[in-house]
Amino acid sequence: MQLEIIYQDDQLVAINKPHGLLVHRTNIARDASEFALQILRDQLGKQVFPCHRLDRKTSGVLLFALDENTNRIMQQKFAKGLVQKKYLAIVRGYTNDKGIIDYPLKKDNSILQEAVTAYKTLDQTELKIPISGKSTSRYSLVEVEPLTGRMHQIRKHFAHIFHPIIGDRPHGCNKQNKLFKERWDMITMMLHALSIKFDHPVTKENIFITASPSMEFTRTLDFLKINLL
């Protein structure tokens, strides 16, 4: 596998992570044999350090440092909310034009953490496909900005407001996921890390990195007749 490099300088490198690829080896997913960290290390011929994480099922911008000091600085930036992250998601139903989801989430030890997500609706569609007792199916394309960084935050927040992300398991809607699999052979989670913006740790330049949605994401937009402006 050859990873798509979308940004590189002397301290940092970013890839457009494919759906289904783990960032690094973990005991949680023993079935995986390929990892972004190892593939990128071999591709560049040098050590790399992941500055943040993306879910295995999420595609998009993934940033690595090329030395330990840069990694430490960037991890602090992510932890302090100094990196602006934006995502694209396709969700069930018609979302509001914009909104703030302020809903604490539990850590593994059951301690609640503050979690806040902002979003705006980019486009909506209604298909003449009955589901769950309704005569049509409705979907929204949203641009999402997590203002905190909790595990599965976007997935859990949109499930909380009853607009689960299409293809999400276990936080999504089983009926919708079954429909997409049977009708369109689509099993990919429709969540894409679109962009990150931050001040470079060395040059102090404002860096803006974007990643094009995957072919499966754009295919889903096409058959849902959703426009990505």
Protein backbone atom coordinates (compact mmCIF):
# COMPACT_ATOMS: atom_id res chain seq x y z
CA MET A 1 0.00 0.00 0.00
CA GLN A 2 1.21 3.50 -0.89
CA LEU A 3 -0.22 6.29 1.25
CA GLU A 4 -1.32 9.61 -0.26
CA ILE A 5 0.92 12.34 1.17
CA ILE A 6 -0.94 15.68 1.18
CA TYR A 7 1.60 17.81 3.07
CA GLN A 8 5.29 17.52 3.95
CA ASP A 9 8.07 19.76 5.28
CA ASP A 10 11.16 19.23 7.44
CA GLN A 11 9.14 18.65 10.63
CA LEU A 12 5.71 17.37 9.59
CA VAL A 13 4.00 15.10 7.10
CA ALA A 14 0.27 14.54 6.58
CA ILE A 15 -1.53 11.75 4.76
CA ASN A 16 -5.08 11.21 3.53
CA LYS A 17 -5.80 8.11 5.62
CA PRO A 18 -8.01 5.54 3.92
CA HIS A 19 -11.08 4.18 5.66
CA GLY A 20 -10.32 0.96 7.53
CA LEU A 21 -6.65 1.66 8.23
CA LEU A 22 -5.50 1.79 11.85
CA VAL A 23 -3.11 4.55 12.89
CA HIS A 24 -0.92 2.09 14.80
CA ARG A 25 -0.94 -1.41 16.27
CA THR A 26 -3.46 -1.99 19.06
CA ASN A 27 -4.74 -4.93 21.07
CA ILE A 28 -8.31 -3.83 20.32
CA ALA A 29 -8.00 -4.79 16.63
CA ARG A 30 -5.92 -7.95 16.47
CA ASP A 31 -7.23 -8.72 12.96
CA ALA A 32 -5.29 -5.81 11.41
CA SER A 33 -1.98 -6.42 9.67
CA GLU A 34 -1.36 -2.96 8.19
CA PHE A 35 -0.94 0.31 10.09
CA ALA A 36 -0.52 3.90 8.89
CA LEU A 37 2.52 4.48 11.10
CA GLN A 38 4.51 1.51 9.75
CA ILE A 39 3.46 2.06 6.12
CA LEU A 40 4.43 5.74 6.21
CA ARG A 41 7.71 4.98 8.01
CA ASP A 42 8.66 2.50 5.29
CA GLN A 43 7.44 4.81 2.54
CA LEU A 44 9.59 7.72 3.76
CA GLY A 45 12.46 5.64 5.07
CA LYS A 46 12.45 7.46 8.41
CA GLN A 47 10.75 7.38 11.80
CA VAL A 48 7.38 9.10 12.12
CA PHE A 49 5.28 10.02 15.17
CA PRO A 50 1.45 10.32 15.05
CA CYS A 51 0.42 13.74 16.43
CA HIS A 52 -3.22 12.71 16.92
CA ARG A 53 -5.57 9.84 16.12
CA LEU A 54 -8.37 9.02 13.74
CA ASP A 55 -10.80 6.16 14.18
CA ARG A 56 -10.10 3.14 12.03
CA LYS A 57 -13.39 3.77 10.19
CA THR A 58 -12.68 7.47 9.60
CA SER A 59 -10.81 8.66 6.51
CA GLY A 60 -8.96 11.94 5.99
CA VAL A 61 -6.20 14.19 7.31
CA LEU A 62 -3.76 12.43 9.64
CA LEU A 63 -0.70 14.38 10.81
CA PHE A 64 2.68 12.93 11.77
CA ALA A 65 5.79 14.57 13.19
CA LEU A 66 9.26 13.68 11.90
CA ASP A 67 10.99 14.13 15.27
CA GLU A 68 10.06 13.72 18.94
CA ASN A 69 10.21 17.41 19.84
CA THR A 70 7.83 18.43 17.06
CA ASN A 71 5.54 15.59 18.08
CA ARG A 72 5.49 16.83 21.69
CA ILE A 73 4.64 20.39 20.61
CA MET A 74 1.90 19.26 18.19
CA GLN A 75 0.33 16.91 20.74
CA GLN A 76 0.15 19.86 23.14
CA LYS A 77 -1.50 21.96 20.43
CA PHE A 78 -4.12 19.27 19.84
CA ALA A 79 -4.71 18.85 23.59
CA LYS A 80 -5.11 22.62 24.10
CA GLY A 81 -7.53 23.03 21.19
CA LEU A 82 -5.04 25.01 19.12
CA VAL A 83 -5.66 22.86 16.04
CA GLN A 84 -8.90 23.54 14.18
CA LYS A 85 -10.35 20.31 12.81
CA LYS A 86 -13.22 20.01 10.34
CA TYR A 87 -15.01 16.88 9.19
CA LEU A 88 -17.65 15.92 6.67
CA ALA A 89 -20.41 13.51 7.67
CA ILE A 90 -23.52 12.08 6.02
CA VAL A 91 -26.22 11.56 8.63
CA ARG A 92 -29.77 10.31 8.88
CA GLY A 93 -32.59 12.86 8.72
CA TYR A 94 -32.70 16.62 8.24
CA THR A 95 -30.33 18.44 10.59
CA ASN A 96 -30.78 22.07 11.60
CA ASP A 97 -29.00 24.70 9.48
CA LYS A 98 -26.38 24.86 12.23
CA GLY A 99 -26.04 23.82 15.83
CA ILE A 100 -23.93 23.15 18.90
CA ILE A 101 -24.01 19.74 20.57
CA ASP A 102 -22.94 20.18 24.20
CA TYR A 103 -23.19 16.75 25.78
CA PRO A 104 -20.64 15.23 28.20
CA LEU A 105 -19.24 11.81 27.31
CA LYS A 106 -18.03 9.05 29.61
CA LYS A 107 -14.45 7.80 29.58
CA ASP A 108 -13.72 4.07 29.96
CA ASN A 109 -13.59 4.62 33.74
CA SER A 110 -17.14 6.13 33.60
CA ILE A 111 -15.92 9.65 34.47
CA LEU A 112 -17.79 12.30 32.48
CA GLN A 113 -15.82 14.69 30.28
CA GLU A 114 -17.01 17.89 28.69
CA ALA A 115 -17.65 17.39 24.97
CA VAL A 116 -18.78 20.07 22.50
CA THR A 117 -19.32 19.77 18.74
CA ALA A 118 -20.36 22.49 16.29
CA TYR A 119 -21.89 21.75 12.90
CA LYS A 120 -23.53 23.34 9.89
CA THR A 121 -25.65 21.71 7.22
CA LEU A 122 -24.26 21.84 3.68
CA ASP A 123 -26.98 19.99 1.77
CA GLN A 124 -29.97 17.70 2.26
CA THR A 125 -31.79 15.08 0.21
CA GLU A 126 -35.03 13.13 0.30
CA LEU A 127 -35.36 9.80 -1.52
CA LYS A 128 -38.54 7.90 -2.33
CA ILE A 129 -37.38 4.93 -0.31
CA PRO A 130 -39.64 3.93 2.60
CA ILE A 131 -37.96 3.06 5.89
CA SER A 132 -39.01 2.76 9.54
CA GLY A 133 -42.69 3.35 8.74
CA LYS A 134 -42.02 6.51 6.73
CA SER A 135 -42.64 6.87 3.00
CA THR A 136 -39.29 8.53 2.26
CA SER A 137 -35.70 8.59 3.50
CA ARG A 138 -33.96 11.84 4.41
CA TYR A 139 -30.25 12.57 4.74
CA SER A 140 -28.00 15.55 5.45
CA LEU A 141 -24.41 16.40 4.62
CA VAL A 142 -22.87 18.30 7.52
CA GLU A 143 -19.57 20.06 8.15
CA VAL A 144 -18.50 19.28 11.70
CA GLU A 145 -16.03 21.01 14.01
CA PRO A 146 -15.27 19.19 17.28
CA LEU A 147 -14.42 21.81 19.89
CA THR A 148 -13.16 19.13 22.27
CA GLY A 149 -11.37 15.88 21.45
CA ARG A 150 -13.12 12.91 23.03
CA MET A 151 -13.06 9.35 21.72
CA HIS A 152 -15.79 8.79 19.11
CA GLN A 153 -17.11 12.27 19.98
CA ILE A 154 -18.65 13.11 16.60
CA ARG A 155 -20.20 9.67 16.24
CA LYS A 156 -21.70 9.72 19.74
CA HIS A 157 -22.91 13.32 19.48
CA PHE A 158 -24.82 12.82 16.24
CA ALA A 159 -26.36 9.64 17.61
CA HIS A 160 -27.37 11.67 20.68
CA ILE A 161 -29.33 14.19 18.57
CA PHE A 162 -30.94 11.32 16.59
CA HIS A 163 -28.99 12.00 13.40
CA PRO A 164 -26.56 9.05 13.44
CA ILE A 165 -23.77 8.85 10.88
CA ILE A 166 -24.48 6.47 8.02
CA GLY A 167 -22.37 3.31 8.21
CA ASP A 168 -21.49 3.82 11.87
CA ARG A 169 -21.46 0.73 14.05
CA PRO A 170 -22.28 0.57 16.96
CA HIS A 171 -23.48 4.17 17.36
CA GLY A 172 -25.47 4.32 14.12
CA CYS A 173 -28.86 3.09 12.94
CA ASN A 174 -28.98 -0.62 12.10
CA LYS A 175 -31.94 -0.21 9.71
CA GLN A 176 -30.17 2.52 7.75
CA ASN A 177 -26.90 0.58 7.66
CA LYS A 178 -28.75 -2.48 6.36
CA LEU A 179 -30.48 -0.40 3.68
CA PHE A 180 -27.19 1.06 2.45
CA LYS A 181 -25.54 -2.35 2.37
CA GLU A 182 -28.36 -4.12 0.53
CA ARG A 183 -29.37 -1.36 -1.89
CA TRP A 184 -26.01 0.29 -2.67
CA ASP A 185 -23.40 -2.19 -1.39
CA MET A 186 -22.11 0.56 0.92
CA ILE A 187 -20.62 -0.43 4.29
CA THR A 188 -18.16 2.46 4.81
CA MET A 189 -18.76 4.91 7.66
CA MET A 190 -19.54 8.32 6.17
CA LEU A 191 -17.17 10.38 8.31
CA HIS A 192 -14.19 12.15 6.73
CA ALA A 193 -11.54 14.33 8.37
CA LEU A 194 -11.62 17.17 5.86
CA SER A 195 -9.04 19.65 7.17
CA ILE A 196 -6.79 20.84 9.97
CA LYS A 197 -5.43 24.33 10.60
CA PHE A 198 -2.67 25.33 13.03
CA ASP A 199 0.42 27.46 13.53
CA HIS A 200 3.57 25.61 12.50
CA PRO A 201 5.65 24.64 15.58
CA VAL A 202 8.89 25.92 14.03
CA THR A 203 8.16 28.49 11.31
CA LYS A 204 5.00 29.83 13.08
CA GLU A 205 3.37 29.96 9.63
CA ASN A 206 -0.37 29.27 9.50
CA ILE A 207 -0.75 25.78 8.01
CA PHE A 208 -3.98 24.61 6.38
CA ILE A 209 -4.16 20.99 5.19
CA THR A 210 -7.12 19.46 3.37
CA ALA A 211 -7.87 15.90 2.27
CA SER A 212 -10.22 14.99 -0.57
CA PRO A 213 -13.08 12.64 0.37
CA SER A 214 -12.64 9.01 -0.59
CA MET A 215 -14.15 7.49 -3.74
CA GLU A 216 -16.71 5.68 -1.58
CA PHE A 217 -17.72 8.95 0.12
CA THR A 218 -18.18 10.72 -3.23
CA ARG A 219 -20.03 7.70 -4.65
CA THR A 220 -22.44 7.90 -1.72
CA LEU A 221 -22.96 11.62 -2.32
CA ASP A 222 -23.76 10.80 -5.96
CA PHE A 223 -26.38 8.12 -5.36
CA LEU A 224 -27.97 10.20 -2.59
CA LYS A 225 -28.00 13.20 -4.97
CA ILE A 226 -26.18 15.39 -2.42
CA ASN A 227 -24.02 18.29 -3.57
CA LEU A 228 -20.62 18.93 -2.01
CA LEU A 229 -20.09 22.64 -2.65
